[in-house]
Amino acid sequence: MPESSLLPATWNVPTEFRDRLGKQVGRQRTMIAEGHALIILHAPPNPDEMNRKGRFFWREPDGTWHASEFKGSPDALNQHLDEFQQLLEEFDDKVDEAASSLDYLEVLNHLGPVYRALCHMTQALQNAREAIPKDKLIIDFRDSAYRLERAAELLI
């Protein structure tokens, strides 16, 4: 196992996953190997950050979930989605309270990276859904991500 692996050392994932990861998290995506799924997502971004913080969600062939943050159950992905939901609610409140064009611009500067992250998250979850079509949790995660993406789009 490479020393620089971004995945937790205790995860017994297919070697292909570790081999395909670089030193940085890279684009949000889903990897599939040997019946396992590795969903690579980004934490909610800040507009000033060039590099995104990765979060890894591993689904074993038997449906057992692990997460690099939060607790390893399927609820970890819900917590990840909830962070974006809370952020969008804050943006919505700021738009309602905006008194000048500078106030709106501040929201838009923060909202742009969040919207892009949500679009790519939806794509990654759709790819996971296509690879594991009978997993209802993945369908629900994908649908929740799409709702968040749409809410962000409406704020723009």
N, C-alpha and C. Protein backbone atom coordinates (compact mmCIF):
# COMPACT_ATOMS: atom_id res chain seq x y z
N MET A 1 0.85 -1.19 0.00
CA MET A 1 0.00 0.00 0.00
C MET A 1 0.89 1.24 0.00
N PRO A 2 0.61 2.19 -0.90
CA PRO A 2 1.42 3.41 -0.95
C PRO A 2 1.27 4.23 0.32
N GLU A 3 2.39 4.80 0.77
CA GLU A 3 2.35 5.61 1.99
C GLU A 3 1.48 6.84 1.83
N SER A 4 1.39 7.36 0.63
CA SER A 4 0.70 8.63 0.42
C SER A 4 -0.79 8.44 0.11
N SER A 5 -1.33 7.25 0.34
CA SER A 5 -2.72 6.99 0.01
C SER A 5 -3.65 7.95 0.76
N LEU A 6 -4.63 8.44 0.03
CA LEU A 6 -5.62 9.34 0.63
C LEU A 6 -6.68 8.56 1.41
N LEU A 7 -6.78 7.27 1.15
CA LEU A 7 -7.78 6.44 1.81
C LEU A 7 -7.28 6.00 3.19
N PRO A 8 -8.20 5.80 4.14
CA PRO A 8 -7.78 5.30 5.45
C PRO A 8 -7.02 3.97 5.31
N ALA A 9 -5.94 3.84 6.04
CA ALA A 9 -5.09 2.65 5.95
C ALA A 9 -5.83 1.38 6.35
N THR A 10 -6.85 1.51 7.18
CA THR A 10 -7.59 0.33 7.66
C THR A 10 -8.58 -0.21 6.64
N TRP A 11 -8.83 0.53 5.58
CA TRP A 11 -9.80 0.08 4.58
C TRP A 11 -9.19 -1.01 3.70
N ASN A 12 -9.88 -2.12 3.60
CA ASN A 12 -9.44 -3.24 2.76
C ASN A 12 -10.13 -3.14 1.40
N VAL A 13 -9.80 -2.09 0.68
CA VAL A 13 -10.42 -1.83 -0.62
C VAL A 13 -9.61 -2.53 -1.71
N PRO A 14 -10.22 -2.74 -2.89
CA PRO A 14 -9.44 -3.28 -4.00
C PRO A 14 -8.22 -2.39 -4.29
N THR A 15 -7.11 -3.03 -4.60
CA THR A 15 -5.86 -2.32 -4.88
C THR A 15 -6.04 -1.26 -5.96
N GLU A 16 -6.91 -1.54 -6.90
CA GLU A 16 -7.16 -0.60 -8.00
C GLU A 16 -7.54 0.79 -7.49
N PHE A 17 -8.31 0.85 -6.41
CA PHE A 17 -8.72 2.15 -5.87
C PHE A 17 -7.50 2.96 -5.44
N ARG A 18 -6.63 2.34 -4.67
CA ARG A 18 -5.43 3.06 -4.20
C ARG A 18 -4.52 3.42 -5.37
N ASP A 19 -4.43 2.51 -6.34
CA ASP A 19 -3.58 2.76 -7.51
C ASP A 19 -4.08 3.94 -8.35
N ARG A 20 -5.38 4.15 -8.36
CA ARG A 20 -5.95 5.19 -9.22
C ARG A 20 -6.02 6.56 -8.55
N LEU A 21 -5.68 6.64 -7.28
CA LEU A 21 -5.69 7.92 -6.57
C LEU A 21 -4.31 8.55 -6.60
N GLY A 22 -4.28 9.85 -6.85
CA GLY A 22 -3.03 10.58 -6.82
C GLY A 22 -2.75 11.12 -5.43
N LYS A 23 -1.96 12.18 -5.38
CA LYS A 23 -1.62 12.81 -4.10
C LYS A 23 -2.70 13.78 -3.65
N GLN A 24 -3.55 14.20 -4.58
CA GLN A 24 -4.67 15.08 -4.26
C GLN A 24 -5.96 14.38 -4.65
N VAL A 25 -7.05 14.84 -4.08
CA VAL A 25 -8.32 14.15 -4.28
C VAL A 25 -8.79 14.17 -5.73
N GLY A 26 -8.54 15.26 -6.44
CA GLY A 26 -8.98 15.34 -7.83
C GLY A 26 -10.48 15.55 -7.95
N ARG A 27 -10.99 15.22 -9.12
CA ARG A 27 -12.40 15.42 -9.44
C ARG A 27 -13.29 14.47 -8.64
N GLN A 28 -14.50 14.91 -8.36
CA GLN A 28 -15.48 14.03 -7.73
C GLN A 28 -15.85 12.94 -8.73
N ARG A 29 -15.90 11.71 -8.24
CA ARG A 29 -16.15 10.60 -9.14
C ARG A 29 -16.48 9.34 -8.35
N THR A 30 -16.86 8.31 -9.09
CA THR A 30 -17.10 6.99 -8.51
C THR A 30 -16.19 5.99 -9.20
N MET A 31 -15.56 5.15 -8.41
CA MET A 31 -14.75 4.05 -8.94
C MET A 31 -15.45 2.75 -8.57
N ILE A 32 -15.43 1.81 -9.49
CA ILE A 32 -16.03 0.50 -9.27
C ILE A 32 -14.97 -0.56 -9.54
N ALA A 33 -14.83 -1.52 -8.63
CA ALA A 33 -13.91 -2.64 -8.83
C ALA A 33 -14.34 -3.81 -7.94
N GLU A 34 -14.41 -4.98 -8.52
CA GLU A 34 -14.68 -6.21 -7.77
C GLU A 34 -15.96 -6.11 -6.93
N GLY A 35 -16.95 -5.41 -7.42
CA GLY A 35 -18.21 -5.25 -6.70
C GLY A 35 -18.21 -4.16 -5.64
N HIS A 36 -17.07 -3.53 -5.42
CA HIS A 36 -16.94 -2.43 -4.47
C HIS A 36 -17.16 -1.11 -5.20
N ALA A 37 -17.66 -0.13 -4.48
CA ALA A 37 -17.80 1.23 -5.03
C ALA A 37 -17.06 2.19 -4.10
N LEU A 38 -16.30 3.08 -4.69
CA LEU A 38 -15.65 4.15 -3.95
C LEU A 38 -16.15 5.46 -4.53
N ILE A 39 -16.90 6.19 -3.71
CA ILE A 39 -17.46 7.48 -4.13
C ILE A 39 -16.58 8.57 -3.53
N ILE A 40 -15.99 9.36 -4.39
CA ILE A 40 -15.06 10.41 -3.98
C ILE A 40 -15.77 11.75 -4.16
N LEU A 41 -16.02 12.42 -3.05
CA LEU A 41 -16.74 13.69 -3.08
C LEU A 41 -15.89 14.78 -2.43
N HIS A 42 -16.33 16.01 -2.58
CA HIS A 42 -15.65 17.15 -1.97
C HIS A 42 -16.49 17.69 -0.82
N ALA A 43 -15.82 18.10 0.25
CA ALA A 43 -16.49 18.83 1.32
C ALA A 43 -16.95 20.17 0.74
N PRO A 44 -17.94 20.81 1.36
CA PRO A 44 -18.37 22.11 0.85
C PRO A 44 -17.17 23.05 0.70
N PRO A 45 -16.99 23.62 -0.49
CA PRO A 45 -15.79 24.43 -0.75
C PRO A 45 -15.93 25.86 -0.27
N ASN A 46 -14.77 26.45 0.00
CA ASN A 46 -14.68 27.88 0.24
C ASN A 46 -14.17 28.51 -1.05
N PRO A 47 -14.63 29.71 -1.38
CA PRO A 47 -14.25 30.30 -2.68
C PRO A 47 -12.76 30.58 -2.82
N ASP A 48 -12.05 30.74 -1.71
CA ASP A 48 -10.63 31.09 -1.77
C ASP A 48 -9.72 29.86 -1.87
N GLU A 49 -10.27 28.68 -1.73
CA GLU A 49 -9.47 27.45 -1.76
C GLU A 49 -9.31 26.93 -3.19
N MET A 50 -8.08 26.66 -3.56
CA MET A 50 -7.83 26.07 -4.89
C MET A 50 -7.98 24.55 -4.84
N ASN A 51 -7.55 23.94 -3.76
CA ASN A 51 -7.64 22.49 -3.61
C ASN A 51 -8.84 22.13 -2.76
N ARG A 52 -9.53 21.11 -3.18
CA ARG A 52 -10.73 20.68 -2.47
C ARG A 52 -10.38 19.58 -1.47
N LYS A 53 -11.14 19.56 -0.39
CA LYS A 53 -10.96 18.53 0.63
C LYS A 53 -11.82 17.33 0.25
N GLY A 54 -11.18 16.18 0.12
CA GLY A 54 -11.90 14.99 -0.30
C GLY A 54 -12.56 14.26 0.85
N ARG A 55 -13.67 13.65 0.52
CA ARG A 55 -14.36 12.74 1.43
C ARG A 55 -14.62 11.46 0.65
N PHE A 56 -14.33 10.36 1.29
CA PHE A 56 -14.42 9.07 0.61
C PHE A 56 -15.51 8.22 1.25
N PHE A 57 -16.34 7.65 0.40
CA PHE A 57 -17.44 6.78 0.84
C PHE A 57 -17.28 5.45 0.11
N TRP A 58 -17.02 4.39 0.87
CA TRP A 58 -16.76 3.07 0.31
C TRP A 58 -17.94 2.16 0.61
N ARG A 59 -18.46 1.55 -0.45
CA ARG A 59 -19.54 0.58 -0.31
C ARG A 59 -18.99 -0.79 -0.70
N GLU A 60 -19.07 -1.72 0.25
CA GLU A 60 -18.65 -3.09 -0.01
C GLU A 60 -19.73 -3.81 -0.82
N PRO A 61 -19.39 -4.93 -1.45
CA PRO A 61 -20.39 -5.66 -2.25
C PRO A 61 -21.62 -6.09 -1.45
N ASP A 62 -21.48 -6.30 -0.14
CA ASP A 62 -22.63 -6.71 0.67
C ASP A 62 -23.49 -5.53 1.14
N GLY A 63 -23.12 -4.31 0.72
CA GLY A 63 -23.90 -3.13 1.08
C GLY A 63 -23.40 -2.41 2.32
N THR A 64 -22.33 -2.88 2.93
CA THR A 64 -21.75 -2.22 4.10
C THR A 64 -21.04 -0.94 3.65
N TRP A 65 -21.29 0.16 4.39
CA TRP A 65 -20.71 1.45 4.04
C TRP A 65 -19.63 1.85 5.04
N HIS A 66 -18.63 2.55 4.53
CA HIS A 66 -17.56 3.15 5.33
C HIS A 66 -17.37 4.58 4.83
N ALA A 67 -16.93 5.46 5.72
CA ALA A 67 -16.70 6.85 5.32
C ALA A 67 -15.41 7.35 5.96
N SER A 68 -14.70 8.19 5.24
CA SER A 68 -13.45 8.74 5.76
C SER A 68 -13.71 9.81 6.82
N GLU A 69 -14.91 10.36 6.82
CA GLU A 69 -15.33 11.32 7.85
C GLU A 69 -16.71 10.89 8.34
N PHE A 70 -17.14 11.45 9.43
CA PHE A 70 -18.41 11.07 10.04
C PHE A 70 -18.30 9.61 10.48
N LYS A 71 -19.41 8.97 10.73
CA LYS A 71 -19.40 7.54 11.05
C LYS A 71 -19.61 6.77 9.76
N GLY A 72 -19.15 5.55 9.73
CA GLY A 72 -19.11 4.79 8.50
C GLY A 72 -20.40 4.24 7.96
N SER A 73 -21.51 4.52 8.56
CA SER A 73 -22.79 3.99 8.08
C SER A 73 -23.27 4.80 6.87
N PRO A 74 -24.36 4.35 6.25
CA PRO A 74 -24.91 5.16 5.15
C PRO A 74 -25.26 6.58 5.59
N ASP A 75 -25.47 6.76 6.88
CA ASP A 75 -25.81 8.10 7.38
C ASP A 75 -24.69 9.11 7.12
N ALA A 76 -23.47 8.63 6.94
CA ALA A 76 -22.35 9.54 6.67
C ALA A 76 -22.60 10.35 5.41
N LEU A 77 -23.12 9.71 4.38
CA LEU A 77 -23.39 10.44 3.14
C LEU A 77 -24.54 11.42 3.35
N ASN A 78 -25.51 11.05 4.18
CA ASN A 78 -26.58 12.00 4.52
C ASN A 78 -26.02 13.22 5.25
N GLN A 79 -25.07 13.00 6.15
CA GLN A 79 -24.46 14.12 6.87
C GLN A 79 -23.70 15.02 5.90
N HIS A 80 -23.03 14.41 4.94
CA HIS A 80 -22.33 15.17 3.91
C HIS A 80 -23.32 16.06 3.14
N LEU A 81 -24.43 15.47 2.73
CA LEU A 81 -25.45 16.22 2.00
C LEU A 81 -26.07 17.31 2.88
N ASP A 82 -26.26 17.00 4.17
CA ASP A 82 -26.83 17.98 5.10
C ASP A 82 -25.95 19.23 5.22
N GLU A 83 -24.63 19.06 5.16
CA GLU A 83 -23.75 20.23 5.21
C GLU A 83 -24.02 21.18 4.05
N PHE A 84 -24.24 20.63 2.87
CA PHE A 84 -24.56 21.46 1.71
C PHE A 84 -25.93 22.10 1.89
N GLN A 85 -26.90 21.35 2.43
CA GLN A 85 -28.24 21.90 2.66
C GLN A 85 -28.17 23.10 3.60
N GLN A 86 -27.44 22.97 4.69
CA GLN A 86 -27.31 24.07 5.65
C GLN A 86 -26.64 25.28 5.01
N LEU A 87 -25.64 25.04 4.20
CA LEU A 87 -24.95 26.12 3.52
C LEU A 87 -25.89 26.86 2.57
N LEU A 88 -26.70 26.12 1.83
CA LEU A 88 -27.65 26.75 0.91
C LEU A 88 -28.70 27.55 1.67
N GLU A 89 -29.12 27.07 2.82
CA GLU A 89 -30.08 27.82 3.64
C GLU A 89 -29.46 29.14 4.11
N GLU A 90 -28.17 29.10 4.47
CA GLU A 90 -27.48 30.33 4.87
C GLU A 90 -27.40 31.31 3.70
N PHE A 91 -27.09 30.80 2.51
CA PHE A 91 -27.04 31.66 1.32
C PHE A 91 -28.40 32.27 1.03
N ASP A 92 -29.44 31.48 1.17
CA ASP A 92 -30.80 31.96 0.93
C ASP A 92 -31.14 33.10 1.89
N ASP A 93 -30.77 32.94 3.16
CA ASP A 93 -31.00 33.99 4.15
C ASP A 93 -30.21 35.26 3.79
N LYS A 94 -28.97 35.09 3.34
CA LYS A 94 -28.15 36.25 2.98
C LYS A 94 -28.73 36.98 1.77
N VAL A 95 -29.29 36.23 0.83
CA VAL A 95 -29.94 36.87 -0.33
C VAL A 95 -31.14 37.67 0.14
N ASP A 96 -31.93 37.10 1.06
CA ASP A 96 -33.10 37.81 1.58
C ASP A 96 -32.71 39.08 2.32
N GLU A 97 -31.55 39.05 2.98
CA GLU A 97 -31.11 40.19 3.78
C GLU A 97 -30.26 41.19 2.98
N ALA A 98 -29.91 40.85 1.76
CA ALA A 98 -29.00 41.69 0.96
C ALA A 98 -29.60 43.08 0.75
N ALA A 99 -28.76 44.08 1.01
CA ALA A 99 -29.21 45.47 0.87
C ALA A 99 -28.51 46.18 -0.29
N SER A 100 -27.52 45.53 -0.87
CA SER A 100 -26.79 46.18 -1.96
C SER A 100 -26.28 45.12 -2.94
N SER A 101 -25.81 45.60 -4.08
CA SER A 101 -25.27 44.67 -5.08
C SER A 101 -24.01 43.97 -4.54
N LEU A 102 -23.27 44.63 -3.67
CA LEU A 102 -22.09 44.00 -3.08
C LEU A 102 -22.47 42.82 -2.19
N ASP A 103 -23.61 42.95 -1.52
CA ASP A 103 -24.10 41.83 -0.70
C ASP A 103 -24.42 40.62 -1.58
N TYR A 104 -25.08 40.88 -2.71
CA TYR A 104 -25.40 39.79 -3.65
C TYR A 104 -24.12 39.19 -4.24
N LEU A 105 -23.17 40.05 -4.58
CA LEU A 105 -21.92 39.58 -5.16
C LEU A 105 -21.16 38.66 -4.20
N GLU A 106 -21.19 39.00 -2.93
CA GLU A 106 -20.53 38.15 -1.93
C GLU A 106 -21.16 36.75 -1.92
N VAL A 107 -22.48 36.70 -1.96
CA VAL A 107 -23.17 35.40 -1.99
C VAL A 107 -22.80 34.64 -3.26
N LEU A 108 -22.82 35.33 -4.40
CA LEU A 108 -22.50 34.66 -5.67
C LEU A 108 -21.07 34.14 -5.70
N ASN A 109 -20.14 34.89 -5.11
CA ASN A 109 -18.74 34.44 -5.07
C ASN A 109 -18.60 33.14 -4.28
N HIS A 110 -19.40 32.98 -3.25
CA HIS A 110 -19.37 31.75 -2.45
C HIS A 110 -20.21 30.65 -3.10
N LEU A 111 -21.29 31.04 -3.74
CA LEU A 111 -22.23 30.07 -4.29
C LEU A 111 -21.69 29.36 -5.53
N GLY A 112 -20.88 30.04 -6.33
CA GLY A 112 -20.35 29.43 -7.56
C GLY A 112 -19.62 28.12 -7.31
N PRO A 113 -18.61 28.10 -6.43
CA PRO A 113 -17.92 26.83 -6.16
C PRO A 113 -18.83 25.76 -5.55
N VAL A 114 -19.78 26.18 -4.73
CA VAL A 114 -20.71 25.22 -4.13
C VAL A 114 -21.59 24.60 -5.21
N TYR A 115 -22.08 25.42 -6.12
CA TYR A 115 -22.92 24.91 -7.22
C TYR A 115 -22.14 23.91 -8.08
N ARG A 116 -20.90 24.25 -8.42
CA ARG A 116 -20.09 23.32 -9.22
C ARG A 116 -19.86 22.01 -8.47
N ALA A 117 -19.59 22.10 -7.17
CA ALA A 117 -19.39 20.89 -6.36
C ALA A 117 -20.65 20.03 -6.36
N LEU A 118 -21.81 20.68 -6.27
CA LEU A 118 -23.07 19.93 -6.28
C LEU A 118 -23.32 19.26 -7.63
N CYS A 119 -23.02 19.96 -8.72
CA CYS A 119 -23.19 19.36 -10.05
C CYS A 119 -22.33 18.12 -10.21
N HIS A 120 -21.08 18.22 -9.79
CA HIS A 120 -20.16 17.08 -9.93
C HIS A 120 -20.52 15.96 -8.96
N MET A 121 -21.04 16.32 -7.77
CA MET A 121 -21.49 15.30 -6.83
C MET A 121 -22.66 14.52 -7.42
N THR A 122 -23.60 15.22 -8.03
CA THR A 122 -24.74 14.55 -8.66
C THR A 122 -24.27 13.59 -9.73
N GLN A 123 -23.30 14.00 -10.53
CA GLN A 123 -22.75 13.12 -11.58
C GLN A 123 -22.09 11.89 -10.98
N ALA A 124 -21.31 12.07 -9.92
CA ALA A 124 -20.63 10.94 -9.28
C ALA A 124 -21.64 9.96 -8.70
N LEU A 125 -22.69 10.48 -8.09
CA LEU A 125 -23.71 9.61 -7.51
C LEU A 125 -24.55 8.93 -8.59
N GLN A 126 -24.76 9.60 -9.72
CA GLN A 126 -25.45 8.96 -10.84
C GLN A 126 -24.61 7.81 -11.38
N ASN A 127 -23.30 8.00 -11.46
CA ASN A 127 -22.42 6.92 -11.91
C ASN A 127 -22.48 5.73 -10.95
N ALA A 128 -22.52 6.01 -9.65
CA ALA A 128 -22.65 4.93 -8.66
C ALA A 128 -23.98 4.23 -8.82
N ARG A 129 -25.03 4.98 -9.07
CA ARG A 129 -26.36 4.42 -9.25
C ARG A 129 -26.41 3.50 -10.47
N GLU A 130 -25.74 3.91 -11.55
CA GLU A 130 -25.71 3.08 -12.76
C GLU A 130 -24.90 1.80 -12.54
N ALA A 131 -23.84 1.88 -11.73
CA ALA A 131 -23.01 0.71 -11.47
C ALA A 131 -23.67 -0.27 -10.51
N ILE A 132 -24.48 0.25 -9.59
CA ILE A 132 -25.17 -0.59 -8.60
C ILE A 132 -26.65 -0.21 -8.65
N PRO A 133 -27.35 -0.63 -9.70
CA PRO A 133 -28.70 -0.12 -9.96
C PRO A 133 -29.77 -0.51 -8.94
N LYS A 134 -29.55 -1.53 -8.14
CA LYS A 134 -30.59 -1.98 -7.21
C LYS A 134 -30.44 -1.40 -5.81
N ASP A 135 -29.42 -0.59 -5.58
CA ASP A 135 -29.20 -0.01 -4.26
C ASP A 135 -30.06 1.24 -4.10
N LYS A 136 -31.12 1.11 -3.32
CA LYS A 136 -32.07 2.23 -3.12
C LYS A 136 -31.42 3.41 -2.40
N LEU A 137 -30.46 3.13 -1.53
CA LEU A 137 -29.78 4.23 -0.83
C LEU A 137 -29.04 5.13 -1.81
N ILE A 138 -28.36 4.52 -2.76
CA ILE A 138 -27.63 5.33 -3.74
C ILE A 138 -28.60 6.16 -4.57
N ILE A 139 -29.74 5.59 -4.90
CA ILE A 139 -30.76 6.35 -5.63
C ILE A 139 -31.20 7.55 -4.80
N ASP A 140 -31.45 7.32 -3.51
CA ASP A 140 -31.87 8.42 -2.63
C ASP A 140 -30.78 9.49 -2.50
N PHE A 141 -29.52 9.05 -2.37
CA PHE A 141 -28.41 10.01 -2.28
C PHE A 141 -28.33 10.85 -3.56
N ARG A 142 -28.45 10.19 -4.70
CA ARG A 142 -28.38 10.89 -5.98
C ARG A 142 -29.52 11.90 -6.10
N ASP A 143 -30.72 11.49 -5.72
CA ASP A 143 -31.88 12.39 -5.79
C ASP A 143 -31.72 13.58 -4.85
N SER A 144 -31.18 13.35 -3.67
CA SER A 144 -30.95 14.45 -2.72
C SER A 144 -29.91 15.42 -3.27
N ALA A 145 -28.86 14.89 -3.87
CA ALA A 145 -27.84 15.75 -4.46
C ALA A 145 -28.43 16.59 -5.58
N TYR A 146 -29.29 15.98 -6.39
CA TYR A 146 -29.92 16.74 -7.48
C TYR A 146 -30.80 17.86 -6.93
N ARG A 147 -31.56 17.58 -5.86
CA ARG A 147 -32.40 18.63 -5.26
C ARG A 147 -31.54 19.79 -4.76
N LEU A 148 -30.40 19.47 -4.17
CA LEU A 148 -29.49 20.52 -3.69
C LEU A 148 -28.90 21.30 -4.86
N GLU A 149 -28.53 20.59 -5.91
CA GLU A 149 -28.00 21.25 -7.11
C GLU A 149 -29.03 22.23 -7.67
N ARG A 150 -30.27 21.80 -7.73
CA ARG A 150 -31.35 22.65 -8.25
C ARG A 150 -31.57 23.86 -7.35
N ALA A 151 -31.53 23.67 -6.04
CA ALA A 151 -31.70 24.78 -5.10
C ALA A 151 -30.58 25.81 -5.27
N ALA A 152 -29.36 25.33 -5.46
CA ALA A 152 -28.23 26.25 -5.68
C ALA A 152 -28.39 27.00 -6.99
N GLU A 153 -28.86 26.30 -8.01
CA GLU A 153 -29.06 26.93 -9.32
C GLU A 153 -30.10 28.05 -9.22
N LEU A 154 -31.14 27.83 -8.45
CA LEU A 154 -32.18 28.84 -8.29
C LEU A 154 -31.68 30.07 -7.53
N LEU A 155 -30.70 29.87 -6.65
CA LEU A 155 -30.13 31.01 -5.93
C LEU A 155 -29.23 31.86 -6.83
N ILE A 156 -28.66 31.23 -7.85
CA ILE A 156 -27.80 31.96 -8.77
C ILE A 156 -28.69 32.81 -9.65
